[in-house]
């Protein structure tokens, strides 16, 4: 299962800290197990239910957000030198996990992806952050997940959380047009 996850999202390999990488992979692996989704399901699962008939799946979106976040960090490093410090591993782990809660937020009903009962009670930033916390990820990573969407408005207290929030919204809004 881990091999397939790494093939599906090679961005996991960009996390240098072995413990953070392992925990990030395990969150995805365990979320799939707990929610019952397969790799084929993930390839079909829309990244959002807010854009009707989107052709972008959760994996494509997650990879795009992670790569956009990383590019922003690269530009900051080049342009601002040491003025802005970014923990690259926290940034990547947070970006890779920002939507993992959607595995709990969605269900399939008559072949269509819809909100699950759990998803009606807890949106994905909250369920994803709680799940990541249960797996021992640093609070900075949990914060990125919790603050990446509207739930985090006014609460983005780290540069990594700001970057992932904006990377996510740039991707969403560009696909919404």
N, C-alpha and C. Protein backbone atom coordinates (compact mmCIF):
# COMPACT_ATOMS: atom_id res chain seq x y z
N UNK A 1 0.82 -1.20 0.00
CA UNK A 1 0.00 0.00 0.00
C UNK A 1 0.86 1.26 0.00
N UNK A 2 1.94 1.24 0.79
CA UNK A 2 2.81 2.42 0.86
C UNK A 2 3.47 2.68 -0.50
N UNK A 3 3.86 1.61 -1.19
CA UNK A 3 4.49 1.77 -2.51
C UNK A 3 3.54 2.48 -3.47
N UNK A 4 2.27 2.07 -3.44
CA UNK A 4 1.28 2.69 -4.32
C UNK A 4 1.05 4.15 -3.95
N UNK A 5 1.01 4.45 -2.66
CA UNK A 5 0.87 5.85 -2.22
C UNK A 5 2.03 6.69 -2.73
N UNK A 6 3.24 6.17 -2.65
CA UNK A 6 4.42 6.90 -3.12
C UNK A 6 4.39 7.09 -4.63
N UNK A 7 3.85 6.12 -5.35
CA UNK A 7 3.72 6.27 -6.80
C UNK A 7 2.66 7.32 -7.13
N UNK A 8 1.57 7.29 -6.37
CA UNK A 8 0.47 8.21 -6.61
C UNK A 8 0.83 9.65 -6.25
N UNK A 9 1.58 9.80 -5.14
CA UNK A 9 1.99 11.12 -4.68
C UNK A 9 3.49 11.13 -4.35
N UNK A 10 4.32 11.29 -5.36
CA UNK A 10 5.77 11.28 -5.13
C UNK A 10 6.25 12.43 -4.24
N UNK A 11 5.39 13.40 -3.98
CA UNK A 11 5.75 14.53 -3.11
C UNK A 11 6.07 14.07 -1.69
N UNK A 12 5.56 12.92 -1.29
CA UNK A 12 5.93 12.37 0.03
C UNK A 12 7.45 12.29 0.16
N UNK A 13 8.10 11.90 -0.92
CA UNK A 13 9.56 11.68 -0.91
C UNK A 13 10.35 12.97 -0.71
N UNK A 14 9.70 14.12 -0.89
CA UNK A 14 10.38 15.40 -0.73
C UNK A 14 10.53 15.81 0.74
N UNK A 15 9.80 15.12 1.62
CA UNK A 15 9.91 15.40 3.07
C UNK A 15 11.21 14.75 3.55
N UNK A 16 12.11 15.57 4.08
CA UNK A 16 13.43 15.06 4.47
C UNK A 16 13.43 14.39 5.84
N UNK A 17 12.67 14.91 6.79
CA UNK A 17 12.63 14.33 8.13
C UNK A 17 11.90 12.98 8.06
N UNK A 18 12.62 11.90 8.35
CA UNK A 18 12.08 10.54 8.19
C UNK A 18 10.83 10.31 9.03
N UNK A 19 10.80 10.85 10.24
CA UNK A 19 9.63 10.64 11.11
C UNK A 19 8.40 11.37 10.58
N UNK A 20 8.60 12.60 10.14
CA UNK A 20 7.47 13.36 9.59
C UNK A 20 6.98 12.70 8.31
N UNK A 21 7.89 12.25 7.46
CA UNK A 21 7.51 11.57 6.23
C UNK A 21 6.70 10.31 6.54
N UNK A 22 7.20 9.50 7.46
CA UNK A 22 6.51 8.25 7.82
C UNK A 22 5.12 8.54 8.37
N UNK A 23 5.02 9.52 9.24
CA UNK A 23 3.72 9.85 9.84
C UNK A 23 2.76 10.40 8.79
N UNK A 24 3.26 11.19 7.86
CA UNK A 24 2.42 11.75 6.80
C UNK A 24 1.88 10.64 5.91
N UNK A 25 2.74 9.71 5.54
CA UNK A 25 2.31 8.55 4.74
C UNK A 25 1.29 7.73 5.52
N UNK A 26 1.57 7.51 6.80
CA UNK A 26 0.66 6.69 7.62
C UNK A 26 -0.71 7.33 7.77
N UNK A 27 -0.78 8.65 7.82
CA UNK A 27 -2.08 9.31 7.92
C UNK A 27 -2.91 8.98 6.68
N UNK A 28 -2.31 9.12 5.50
CA UNK A 28 -3.04 8.78 4.27
C UNK A 28 -3.43 7.30 4.26
N UNK A 29 -2.49 6.45 4.59
CA UNK A 29 -2.73 5.00 4.59
C UNK A 29 -3.87 4.64 5.54
N UNK A 30 -3.81 5.14 6.75
CA UNK A 30 -4.82 4.81 7.76
C UNK A 30 -6.17 5.47 7.44
N UNK A 31 -6.15 6.66 6.85
CA UNK A 31 -7.41 7.31 6.45
C UNK A 31 -8.10 6.48 5.37
N UNK A 32 -7.32 5.95 4.45
CA UNK A 32 -7.90 5.09 3.41
C UNK A 32 -8.51 3.84 4.04
N UNK A 33 -7.77 3.23 4.95
CA UNK A 33 -8.27 2.02 5.62
C UNK A 33 -9.56 2.31 6.38
N UNK A 34 -9.52 3.35 7.22
CA UNK A 34 -10.66 3.68 8.07
C UNK A 34 -11.90 4.03 7.26
N UNK A 35 -11.71 4.76 6.18
CA UNK A 35 -12.84 5.21 5.37
C UNK A 35 -13.25 4.20 4.31
N UNK A 36 -12.38 3.23 4.02
CA UNK A 36 -12.72 2.19 3.05
C UNK A 36 -12.49 2.56 1.60
N UNK A 37 -11.79 3.66 1.33
CA UNK A 37 -11.52 4.06 -0.06
C UNK A 37 -10.34 3.27 -0.62
N UNK A 38 -10.39 3.00 -1.91
CA UNK A 38 -9.30 2.33 -2.62
C UNK A 38 -8.54 3.36 -3.45
N UNK A 39 -7.43 2.94 -4.03
CA UNK A 39 -6.68 3.84 -4.91
C UNK A 39 -7.51 4.22 -6.13
N UNK A 40 -8.29 3.28 -6.65
CA UNK A 40 -9.17 3.61 -7.77
C UNK A 40 -10.21 4.66 -7.37
N UNK A 41 -10.73 4.53 -6.14
CA UNK A 41 -11.67 5.54 -5.64
C UNK A 41 -11.03 6.92 -5.61
N UNK A 42 -9.79 7.00 -5.12
CA UNK A 42 -9.10 8.29 -5.03
C UNK A 42 -8.89 8.91 -6.40
N UNK A 43 -8.67 8.07 -7.40
CA UNK A 43 -8.49 8.58 -8.76
C UNK A 43 -9.79 9.14 -9.33
N UNK A 44 -10.92 8.73 -8.76
CA UNK A 44 -12.23 9.19 -9.22
C UNK A 44 -12.81 10.28 -8.31
N UNK A 45 -12.33 10.35 -7.07
CA UNK A 45 -12.90 11.26 -6.08
C UNK A 45 -12.62 12.72 -6.46
N UNK A 46 -13.67 13.53 -6.61
CA UNK A 46 -13.43 14.93 -6.94
C UNK A 46 -12.73 15.64 -5.77
N UNK A 47 -11.91 16.61 -6.10
CA UNK A 47 -11.22 17.34 -5.03
C UNK A 47 -12.17 18.23 -4.25
N UNK A 48 -13.32 18.55 -4.84
CA UNK A 48 -14.32 19.36 -4.17
C UNK A 48 -15.70 18.94 -4.65
N UNK A 49 -16.68 19.14 -3.79
CA UNK A 49 -18.07 18.94 -4.19
C UNK A 49 -18.72 20.27 -4.58
N UNK A 50 -17.95 21.35 -4.47
CA UNK A 50 -18.48 22.69 -4.74
C UNK A 50 -18.43 23.06 -6.22
N UNK A 51 -17.64 22.33 -7.01
CA UNK A 51 -17.57 22.57 -8.45
C UNK A 51 -18.21 21.35 -9.11
N UNK A 52 -19.39 21.56 -9.67
CA UNK A 52 -20.11 20.44 -10.27
C UNK A 52 -19.32 19.86 -11.45
N UNK A 53 -19.21 18.57 -11.46
CA UNK A 53 -18.55 17.82 -12.54
C UNK A 53 -17.09 18.21 -12.76
N UNK A 54 -16.37 18.48 -11.70
CA UNK A 54 -14.95 18.77 -11.87
C UNK A 54 -14.23 17.50 -12.33
N UNK A 55 -13.26 17.67 -13.19
CA UNK A 55 -12.50 16.51 -13.65
C UNK A 55 -11.21 16.34 -12.85
N UNK A 56 -10.98 17.21 -11.88
CA UNK A 56 -9.76 17.15 -11.07
C UNK A 56 -10.04 16.32 -9.83
N UNK A 57 -9.24 15.27 -9.66
CA UNK A 57 -9.46 14.40 -8.50
C UNK A 57 -8.64 14.87 -7.29
N UNK A 58 -8.89 14.24 -6.16
CA UNK A 58 -8.26 14.65 -4.91
C UNK A 58 -6.74 14.50 -4.95
N UNK A 59 -6.24 13.51 -5.66
CA UNK A 59 -4.79 13.30 -5.76
C UNK A 59 -4.16 14.41 -6.60
N UNK A 60 -4.74 14.69 -7.76
CA UNK A 60 -4.20 15.76 -8.62
C UNK A 60 -4.18 17.09 -7.87
N UNK A 61 -5.26 17.38 -7.18
CA UNK A 61 -5.35 18.63 -6.42
C UNK A 61 -4.31 18.67 -5.30
N UNK A 62 -4.19 17.60 -4.56
CA UNK A 62 -3.24 17.55 -3.45
C UNK A 62 -1.82 17.76 -3.95
N UNK A 63 -1.48 17.10 -5.04
CA UNK A 63 -0.14 17.26 -5.62
C UNK A 63 0.07 18.69 -6.10
N UNK A 64 -0.93 19.29 -6.73
CA UNK A 64 -0.79 20.66 -7.23
C UNK A 64 -0.61 21.64 -6.08
N UNK A 65 -1.37 21.46 -5.01
CA UNK A 65 -1.24 22.35 -3.86
C UNK A 65 0.14 22.18 -3.23
N UNK A 66 0.60 20.96 -3.09
CA UNK A 66 1.93 20.73 -2.50
C UNK A 66 3.03 21.36 -3.36
N UNK A 67 2.92 21.20 -4.67
CA UNK A 67 3.95 21.76 -5.55
C UNK A 67 3.89 23.29 -5.60
N UNK A 68 2.68 23.85 -5.60
CA UNK A 68 2.54 25.32 -5.54
C UNK A 68 3.13 25.86 -4.25
N UNK A 69 2.81 25.21 -3.14
CA UNK A 69 3.34 25.65 -1.84
C UNK A 69 4.86 25.61 -1.84
N UNK A 70 5.41 24.55 -2.38
CA UNK A 70 6.85 24.41 -2.44
C UNK A 70 7.48 25.49 -3.32
N UNK A 71 6.85 25.81 -4.44
CA UNK A 71 7.36 26.86 -5.32
C UNK A 71 7.33 28.22 -4.63
N UNK A 72 6.26 28.49 -3.89
CA UNK A 72 6.20 29.74 -3.14
C UNK A 72 7.35 29.81 -2.15
N UNK A 73 7.58 28.72 -1.44
CA UNK A 73 8.68 28.67 -0.47
C UNK A 73 10.02 28.89 -1.16
N UNK A 74 10.20 28.34 -2.36
CA UNK A 74 11.44 28.51 -3.12
C UNK A 74 11.65 29.98 -3.48
N UNK A 75 10.60 30.62 -3.95
CA UNK A 75 10.69 32.04 -4.31
C UNK A 75 11.02 32.87 -3.07
N UNK A 76 10.35 32.58 -1.96
CA UNK A 76 10.63 33.31 -0.73
C UNK A 76 12.09 33.14 -0.33
N UNK A 77 12.59 31.93 -0.46
CA UNK A 77 13.99 31.67 -0.10
C UNK A 77 14.95 32.47 -0.97
N UNK A 78 14.66 32.56 -2.25
CA UNK A 78 15.53 33.31 -3.17
C UNK A 78 15.41 34.81 -2.99
N UNK A 79 14.19 35.28 -2.83
CA UNK A 79 13.96 36.73 -2.80
C UNK A 79 14.13 37.35 -1.42
N UNK A 80 13.78 36.62 -0.38
CA UNK A 80 13.80 37.18 0.96
C UNK A 80 14.92 36.63 1.83
N UNK A 81 15.68 35.70 1.28
CA UNK A 81 16.81 35.11 1.98
C UNK A 81 16.37 34.62 3.36
N UNK A 82 16.90 35.17 4.41
CA UNK A 82 16.59 34.72 5.78
C UNK A 82 15.48 35.53 6.45
N UNK A 83 14.87 36.46 5.72
CA UNK A 83 13.82 37.31 6.31
C UNK A 83 12.56 36.51 6.65
N UNK A 84 12.31 35.48 5.86
CA UNK A 84 11.18 34.59 6.12
C UNK A 84 11.73 33.19 6.23
N UNK A 85 11.52 32.58 7.37
CA UNK A 85 11.99 31.21 7.59
C UNK A 85 10.81 30.25 7.41
N UNK A 86 11.04 29.25 6.62
CA UNK A 86 10.00 28.27 6.34
C UNK A 86 10.52 26.88 6.67
N UNK A 87 9.73 26.15 7.44
CA UNK A 87 10.05 24.75 7.69
C UNK A 87 9.46 23.96 6.53
N UNK A 88 10.33 23.59 5.61
CA UNK A 88 9.93 22.93 4.37
C UNK A 88 9.19 21.62 4.63
N UNK A 89 9.62 20.84 5.63
CA UNK A 89 8.96 19.57 5.92
C UNK A 89 7.56 19.78 6.47
N UNK A 90 7.39 20.77 7.34
CA UNK A 90 6.05 21.09 7.85
C UNK A 90 5.16 21.54 6.69
N UNK A 91 5.71 22.39 5.83
CA UNK A 91 4.97 22.90 4.68
C UNK A 91 4.50 21.75 3.79
N UNK A 92 5.41 20.86 3.45
CA UNK A 92 5.05 19.73 2.58
C UNK A 92 4.06 18.79 3.24
N UNK A 93 4.31 18.43 4.49
CA UNK A 93 3.39 17.53 5.19
C UNK A 93 2.00 18.16 5.28
N UNK A 94 1.94 19.44 5.62
CA UNK A 94 0.65 20.12 5.71
C UNK A 94 -0.06 20.19 4.37
N UNK A 95 0.68 20.45 3.31
CA UNK A 95 0.09 20.52 1.97
C UNK A 95 -0.40 19.15 1.52
N UNK A 96 0.38 18.13 1.76
CA UNK A 96 -0.01 16.77 1.36
C UNK A 96 -1.23 16.29 2.16
N UNK A 97 -1.35 16.77 3.39
CA UNK A 97 -2.45 16.32 4.26
C UNK A 97 -3.64 17.30 4.31
N UNK A 98 -3.54 18.43 3.62
CA UNK A 98 -4.57 19.45 3.82
C UNK A 98 -5.99 18.95 3.55
N UNK A 99 -6.17 18.04 2.61
CA UNK A 99 -7.51 17.54 2.28
C UNK A 99 -7.74 16.09 2.66
N UNK A 100 -6.86 15.50 3.45
CA UNK A 100 -7.03 14.09 3.82
C UNK A 100 -8.36 13.86 4.55
N UNK A 101 -8.86 14.87 5.23
CA UNK A 101 -10.15 14.76 5.91
C UNK A 101 -11.31 14.53 4.96
N UNK A 102 -11.12 14.80 3.67
CA UNK A 102 -12.18 14.55 2.70
C UNK A 102 -12.47 13.06 2.56
N UNK A 103 -11.54 12.22 2.94
CA UNK A 103 -11.78 10.79 2.92
C UNK A 103 -12.87 10.42 3.93
N UNK A 104 -13.06 11.25 4.95
CA UNK A 104 -14.12 11.06 5.93
C UNK A 104 -15.36 11.91 5.59
N UNK A 105 -15.12 13.00 4.88
CA UNK A 105 -16.20 13.95 4.57
C UNK A 105 -17.08 13.45 3.42
N UNK A 106 -16.55 12.58 2.58
CA UNK A 106 -17.27 12.10 1.40
C UNK A 106 -17.75 10.67 1.60
N UNK A 107 -18.78 10.34 0.83
CA UNK A 107 -19.23 8.96 0.66
C UNK A 107 -19.76 8.85 -0.76
N UNK A 108 -19.98 7.62 -1.18
CA UNK A 108 -20.58 7.40 -2.50
C UNK A 108 -22.01 6.98 -2.32
N UNK A 109 -22.89 7.62 -3.06
CA UNK A 109 -24.30 7.29 -3.02
C UNK A 109 -24.77 7.16 -4.47
N UNK A 110 -25.17 5.97 -4.84
CA UNK A 110 -25.61 5.70 -6.22
C UNK A 110 -24.56 6.14 -7.23
N UNK A 111 -23.30 5.85 -6.91
CA UNK A 111 -22.20 6.16 -7.82
C UNK A 111 -21.72 7.60 -7.80
N UNK A 112 -22.35 8.43 -7.00
CA UNK A 112 -21.99 9.85 -6.95
C UNK A 112 -21.35 10.17 -5.60
N UNK A 113 -20.34 11.03 -5.62
CA UNK A 113 -19.70 11.47 -4.38
C UNK A 113 -20.55 12.56 -3.75
N UNK A 114 -20.86 12.37 -2.46
CA UNK A 114 -21.68 13.32 -1.71
C UNK A 114 -21.10 13.45 -0.29
N UNK A 115 -21.63 14.38 0.47
CA UNK A 115 -21.22 14.54 1.88
C UNK A 115 -21.67 13.34 2.68
N UNK A 116 -20.78 12.84 3.50
CA UNK A 116 -21.13 11.76 4.43
C UNK A 116 -21.81 12.37 5.65
N UNK A 117 -22.36 11.53 6.49
CA UNK A 117 -22.94 12.03 7.74
C UNK A 117 -21.86 12.70 8.58
N UNK A 118 -20.68 12.06 8.63
CA UNK A 118 -19.56 12.65 9.37
C UNK A 118 -19.17 13.99 8.78
N UNK A 119 -19.17 14.07 7.45
CA UNK A 119 -18.82 15.30 6.76
C UNK A 119 -19.80 16.43 7.00
N UNK A 120 -21.06 16.07 7.24
CA UNK A 120 -22.07 17.10 7.56
C UNK A 120 -21.82 17.69 8.95
N UNK A 121 -21.19 16.90 9.83
CA UNK A 121 -20.91 17.37 11.19
C UNK A 121 -19.56 18.05 11.31
N UNK A 122 -18.55 17.47 10.65
CA UNK A 122 -17.18 18.01 10.72
C UNK A 122 -16.61 18.11 9.31
N UNK A 123 -16.31 19.33 8.91
CA UNK A 123 -15.68 19.48 7.59
C UNK A 123 -14.25 18.95 7.63
N UNK A 124 -13.70 18.74 6.46
CA UNK A 124 -12.39 18.09 6.32
C UNK A 124 -11.23 18.77 7.02
N UNK A 125 -11.17 20.10 7.17
CA UNK A 125 -10.03 20.67 7.90
C UNK A 125 -9.99 20.19 9.36
N UNK A 126 -11.16 20.04 9.95
CA UNK A 126 -11.24 19.63 11.35
C UNK A 126 -10.95 18.13 11.48
N UNK A 127 -11.64 17.30 10.69
CA UNK A 127 -11.41 15.86 10.79
C UNK A 127 -9.99 15.50 10.37
N UNK A 128 -9.46 16.17 9.36
CA UNK A 128 -8.09 15.90 8.92
C UNK A 128 -7.06 16.29 9.97
N UNK A 129 -7.27 17.45 10.59
CA UNK A 129 -6.35 17.90 11.65
C UNK A 129 -6.40 16.95 12.84
N UNK A 130 -7.59 16.53 13.22
CA UNK A 130 -7.72 15.61 14.36
C UNK A 130 -7.04 14.28 14.05
N UNK A 131 -7.22 13.78 12.84
CA UNK A 131 -6.62 12.50 12.46
C UNK A 131 -5.10 12.61 12.43
N UNK A 132 -4.58 13.70 11.89
CA UNK A 132 -3.13 13.91 11.85
C UNK A 132 -2.57 14.03 13.26
N UNK A 133 -3.29 14.69 14.14
CA UNK A 133 -2.86 14.82 15.52
C UNK A 133 -2.81 13.45 16.20
N UNK A 134 -3.80 12.62 15.96
CA UNK A 134 -3.82 11.27 16.52
C UNK A 134 -2.61 10.45 16.08
N UNK A 135 -2.07 10.77 14.92
CA UNK A 135 -0.92 10.04 14.39
C UNK A 135 0.41 10.69 14.76
N UNK A 136 0.36 11.67 15.66
CA UNK A 136 1.58 12.22 16.23
C UNK A 136 2.33 13.23 15.39
N UNK A 137 1.67 13.82 14.41
CA UNK A 137 2.35 14.86 13.63
C UNK A 137 2.51 16.11 14.49
N UNK A 138 3.55 16.90 14.23
CA UNK A 138 3.76 18.13 15.01
C UNK A 138 2.55 19.06 14.92
N UNK A 139 2.31 19.81 15.98
CA UNK A 139 1.18 20.73 16.03
C UNK A 139 1.24 21.75 14.90
N UNK A 140 2.43 22.10 14.45
CA UNK A 140 2.56 23.04 13.33
C UNK A 140 1.93 22.47 12.06
N UNK A 141 2.07 21.17 11.85
CA UNK A 141 1.46 20.51 10.68
C UNK A 141 -0.05 20.43 10.88
N UNK A 142 -0.48 20.06 12.06
CA UNK A 142 -1.91 19.99 12.38
C UNK A 142 -2.55 21.37 12.16
N UNK A 143 -1.85 22.43 12.56
CA UNK A 143 -2.34 23.80 12.37
C UNK A 143 -2.53 24.11 10.88
N UNK A 144 -1.60 23.70 10.05
CA UNK A 144 -1.71 23.95 8.60
C UNK A 144 -2.99 23.31 8.07
N UNK A 145 -3.25 22.07 8.46
CA UNK A 145 -4.44 21.35 7.99
C UNK A 145 -5.70 22.06 8.47
N UNK A 146 -5.74 22.39 9.75
CA UNK A 146 -6.93 23.03 10.33
C UNK A 146 -7.18 24.41 9.76
N UNK A 147 -6.12 25.14 9.40
CA UNK A 147 -6.24 26.54 8.98
C UNK A 147 -6.27 26.72 7.46
N UNK A 148 -6.29 25.64 6.69
CA UNK A 148 -6.16 25.82 5.24
C UNK A 148 -7.43 26.30 4.56
N UNK A 149 -8.55 26.21 5.18
CA UNK A 149 -9.82 26.57 4.57
C UNK A 149 -10.51 27.65 5.40
N UNK A 150 -11.78 27.87 5.16
CA UNK A 150 -12.48 28.95 5.85
C UNK A 150 -12.47 28.79 7.36
N UNK A 151 -12.33 27.56 7.85
CA UNK A 151 -12.24 27.36 9.29
C UNK A 151 -11.04 28.08 9.90
N UNK A 152 -10.04 28.33 9.09
CA UNK A 152 -8.83 28.98 9.57
C UNK A 152 -8.79 30.48 9.35
N UNK A 153 -9.86 31.04 8.82
CA UNK A 153 -9.86 32.49 8.59
C UNK A 153 -9.49 33.22 9.88
N UNK A 154 -8.46 34.02 9.80
CA UNK A 154 -8.00 34.78 10.94
C UNK A 154 -7.12 34.00 11.89
N UNK A 155 -6.88 32.72 11.59
CA UNK A 155 -6.11 31.88 12.50
C UNK A 155 -4.85 31.32 11.86
N UNK A 156 -4.45 31.86 10.73
CA UNK A 156 -3.25 31.36 10.05
C UNK A 156 -2.04 32.02 10.70
N UNK A 157 -1.51 31.35 11.71
CA UNK A 157 -0.46 31.94 12.54
C UNK A 157 0.95 31.57 12.14
N UNK A 158 1.12 30.76 11.11
CA UNK A 158 2.46 30.42 10.66
C UNK A 158 2.56 30.72 9.17
N UNK A 159 3.76 31.00 8.72
CA UNK A 159 3.95 31.28 7.29
C UNK A 159 3.59 30.05 6.46
N UNK A 160 3.87 28.86 6.99
CA UNK A 160 3.54 27.63 6.27
C UNK A 160 2.03 27.51 6.07
N UNK A 161 1.25 27.86 7.11
CA UNK A 161 -0.22 27.80 7.01
C UNK A 161 -0.74 28.82 6.00
N UNK A 162 -0.16 30.00 5.98
CA UNK A 162 -0.56 31.02 5.01
C UNK A 162 -0.29 30.53 3.59
N UNK A 163 0.89 29.95 3.38
CA UNK A 163 1.26 29.47 2.04
C UNK A 163 0.30 28.38 1.58
N UNK A 164 0.03 27.39 2.42
CA UNK A 164 -0.86 26.28 2.01
C UNK A 164 -2.27 26.81 1.76
N UNK A 165 -2.75 27.70 2.61
CA UNK A 165 -4.06 28.29 2.42
C UNK A 165 -4.16 28.94 1.05
N UNK A 166 -3.18 29.75 0.71
CA UNK A 166 -3.23 30.45 -0.58
C UNK A 166 -3.00 29.51 -1.76
N UNK A 167 -2.13 28.54 -1.61
CA UNK A 167 -1.91 27.55 -2.68
C UNK A 167 -3.21 26.79 -2.95
N UNK A 168 -3.93 26.43 -1.89
CA UNK A 168 -5.19 25.71 -2.04
C UNK A 168 -6.22 26.59 -2.74
N UNK A 169 -6.37 27.83 -2.31
CA UNK A 169 -7.38 28.69 -2.90
C UNK A 169 -7.04 29.09 -4.33
N UNK A 170 -5.77 29.27 -4.64
CA UNK A 170 -5.39 29.57 -6.03
C UNK A 170 -5.83 28.41 -6.92
N UNK A 171 -5.57 27.19 -6.47
CA UNK A 171 -5.97 26.03 -7.27
C UNK A 171 -7.49 25.93 -7.38
N UNK A 172 -8.20 26.09 -6.28
CA UNK A 172 -9.66 26.01 -6.30
C UNK A 172 -10.25 27.07 -7.21
N UNK A 173 -9.85 28.31 -7.00
CA UNK A 173 -10.46 29.42 -7.75
C UNK A 173 -10.13 29.35 -9.24
N UNK A 174 -8.94 28.90 -9.59
CA UNK A 174 -8.60 28.78 -11.02
C UNK A 174 -9.44 27.71 -11.68
N UNK A 175 -9.77 26.65 -10.95
CA UNK A 175 -10.59 25.57 -11.52
C UNK A 175 -12.08 25.89 -11.49
N UNK A 176 -12.46 26.86 -10.68
CA UNK A 176 -13.86 27.24 -10.54
C UNK A 176 -14.31 28.13 -11.70
N UNK A 177 -13.38 28.78 -12.35
CA UNK A 177 -13.71 29.74 -13.42
C UNK A 177 -14.37 29.05 -14.59
